[in-house]
Amino acid sequence: MPQGTVKFFNESKGFGFIVPDNGEPEIFVHVTGIVDQIRENDKVSYEVENGKKGLNATQVKRA
């Protein structure tokens, strides 16, 4: 399961971005893909799925 750091998350809009630890481009995360409540700078683990506009993080949990 990949890991990364929450770069940005806007609770009111329900989306944000995760920076993967492996140096790959940041990944979009939507509130529907979150298991644990997350905040900016949290270390997280997640799954990756193809979305309409690119990769999306799902099953996002604090690491």
C-alpha atoms as a PDB file:
ATOM      1  CA  MET A   1       0.000   0.000   0.000  1.00  0.00           C
ATOM      2  CA  PRO A   2       1.598   3.334  -1.050  1.00  0.00           C
ATOM      3  CA  GLN A   3       2.298   6.008   1.536  1.00  0.00           C
ATOM      4  CA  GLY A   4       2.581   9.766   1.336  1.00  0.00           C
ATOM      5  CA  THR A   5       1.905  13.102   3.007  1.00  0.00           C
ATOM      6  CA  VAL A   6      -1.242  15.201   2.741  1.00  0.00           C
ATOM      7  CA  LYS A   7      -0.141  18.381   0.942  1.00  0.00           C
ATOM      8  CA  PHE A   8      -3.529  20.094   0.997  1.00  0.00           C
ATOM      9  CA  PHE A   9      -7.029  19.165   2.120  1.00  0.00           C
ATOM     10  CA  ASN A  10     -10.066  21.460   2.108  1.00  0.00           C
ATOM     11  CA  GLU A  11     -12.752  19.974   4.373  1.00  0.00           C
ATOM     12  CA  SER A  12     -15.483  22.344   3.199  1.00  0.00           C
ATOM     13  CA  LYS A  13     -14.909  21.489  -0.478  1.00  0.00           C
ATOM     14  CA  GLY A  14     -14.137  17.816   0.237  1.00  0.00           C
ATOM     15  CA  PHE A  15     -10.917  17.335  -1.706  1.00  0.00           C
ATOM     16  CA  GLY A  16      -7.147  17.635  -1.527  1.00  0.00           C
ATOM     17  CA  PHE A  17      -3.826  16.219  -2.691  1.00  0.00           C
ATOM     18  CA  ILE A  18      -1.316  13.667  -1.404  1.00  0.00           C
ATOM     19  CA  VAL A  19       2.421  13.764  -2.198  1.00  0.00           C
ATOM     20  CA  PRO A  20       3.619  10.144  -2.549  1.00  0.00           C
ATOM     21  CA  ASP A  21       6.783   9.123  -0.661  1.00  0.00           C
ATOM     22  CA  ASN A  22       8.185   7.506  -3.830  1.00  0.00           C
ATOM     23  CA  GLY A  23       8.521  10.837  -5.665  1.00  0.00           C
ATOM     24  CA  GLU A  24       5.666  10.283  -8.127  1.00  0.00           C
ATOM     25  CA  PRO A  25       3.351  13.209  -8.989  1.00  0.00           C
ATOM     26  CA  GLU A  26       0.800  14.244  -6.366  1.00  0.00           C
ATOM     27  CA  ILE A  27      -2.494  12.366  -6.265  1.00  0.00           C
ATOM     28  CA  PHE A  28      -6.008  13.785  -5.977  1.00  0.00           C
ATOM     29  CA  VAL A  29      -8.079  12.677  -2.979  1.00  0.00           C
ATOM     30  CA  HIS A  30     -11.844  13.171  -2.589  1.00  0.00           C
ATOM     31  CA  VAL A  31     -13.716  12.969   0.696  1.00  0.00           C
ATOM     32  CA  THR A  32     -15.469   9.791  -0.526  1.00  0.00           C
ATOM     33  CA  GLY A  33     -12.082   7.998  -0.608  1.00  0.00           C
ATOM     34  CA  ILE A  34     -11.139   8.781   2.989  1.00  0.00           C
ATOM     35  CA  VAL A  35     -11.400   6.225   5.805  1.00  0.00           C
ATOM     36  CA  ASP A  36      -9.810   8.282   8.636  1.00  0.00           C
ATOM     37  CA  GLN A  37     -10.144  12.039   9.061  1.00  0.00           C
ATOM     38  CA  ILE A  38      -7.061  13.698   7.525  1.00  0.00           C
ATOM     39  CA  ARG A  39      -5.378  17.090   7.770  1.00  0.00           C
ATOM     40  CA  GLU A  40      -2.500  18.770   5.996  1.00  0.00           C
ATOM     41  CA  ASN A  41       0.913  17.211   6.769  1.00  0.00           C
ATOM     42  CA  ASP A  42      -0.599  13.898   7.960  1.00  0.00           C
ATOM     43  CA  LYS A  43       1.271  10.761   6.875  1.00  0.00           C
ATOM     44  CA  VAL A  44      -1.204   8.470   5.107  1.00  0.00           C
ATOM     45  CA  SER A  45      -1.456   5.143   3.315  1.00  0.00           C
ATOM     46  CA  TYR A  46      -3.816   4.731   0.374  1.00  0.00           C
ATOM     47  CA  GLU A  47      -4.824   2.773  -2.712  1.00  0.00           C
ATOM     48  CA  VAL A  48      -4.648   4.258  -6.217  1.00  0.00           C
ATOM     49  CA  GLU A  49      -7.439   4.129  -8.814  1.00  0.00           C
ATOM     50  CA  ASN A  50      -7.859   5.692 -12.237  1.00  0.00           C
ATOM     51  CA  GLY A  51     -10.383   8.527 -12.173  1.00  0.00           C
ATOM     52  CA  LYS A  52     -11.929  10.719 -14.854  1.00  0.00           C
ATOM     53  CA  LYS A  53      -9.037  13.196 -14.727  1.00  0.00           C
ATOM     54  CA  GLY A  54      -6.151  10.995 -13.606  1.00  0.00           C
ATOM     55  CA  LEU A  55      -5.131   9.050 -10.526  1.00  0.00           C
ATOM     56  CA  ASN A  56      -7.238   9.200  -7.362  1.00  0.00           C
ATOM     57  CA  ALA A  57      -6.336   8.074  -3.847  1.00  0.00           C
ATOM     58  CA  THR A  58      -8.889   5.793  -2.172  1.00  0.00           C
ATOM     59  CA  GLN A  59      -8.988   3.943   1.154  1.00  0.00           C
ATOM     60  CA  VAL A  60      -6.939   6.808   2.649  1.00  0.00           C
ATOM     61  CA  LYS A  61      -5.893   6.112   6.258  1.00  0.00           C
ATOM     62  CA  ARG A  62      -3.520   7.872   8.632  1.00  0.00           C
ATOM     63  CA  ALA A  63      -0.256   5.943   8.767  1.00  0.00           C
END
